[in-house]
C-alpha cells in the first residue's frame, strides 16, 4: 500500500538518505541522471551538492534553470509479498553555484557531520578542504517543491 509522506517523514528522509539522484538535461538536451552525495541544510531549507570542477555535471548544473532530485530511503525487500518497502521523495529546485568561502566551508562541515559523524577530526576537514579547494564546486539547490511517497505491505 502506498501512502503520502508527512512532514516528519520528509525531513527524516532528507536528513538520513545516503545519496540522491540528480535529474537534469545534459548539453545535448537529453535527460541525464547522476547519483550524488548531498546534505540538507535544514536551517536554510536548501540542499548542497559537492563535486569536482573536472566533472561534466558542473556544466549541466550551470546551464539548467531547474533540476529534479530523488532520494530513496528505508528500503526493505519483502520477499513473502514480492514487494519493496521504501520512502521516496522528489524535489524540484533551482541550482546556484556557491562561490563564497564561508558558505563553502559551512556546507563542507555539514557533509562531514553527515557522512563521517558529529566528532569528525577538524584536522582531517582542514587538510581535505585545502587539498580539494582548487577543484571543489558546490551547488545549492533551493527547494521549490517537495513531495514523497512510501510503500508498505498492508
Foldseek 3Di string as FASTA:
>chain_A
DKDWDDPVRVVCQLQQFQWKWKWFAAPVRDIDIDIFGWHADPVQRKIKTKDFQPDRVVVRLVPDQKIKMKTKDPWDQDVVVRDIWIKMKMFMWGKDKDDDPVVVLVRLLRSCCRPVHPPPDVVVSVVVCVVRVVTMIMIITHGPDMIMMTDDDD
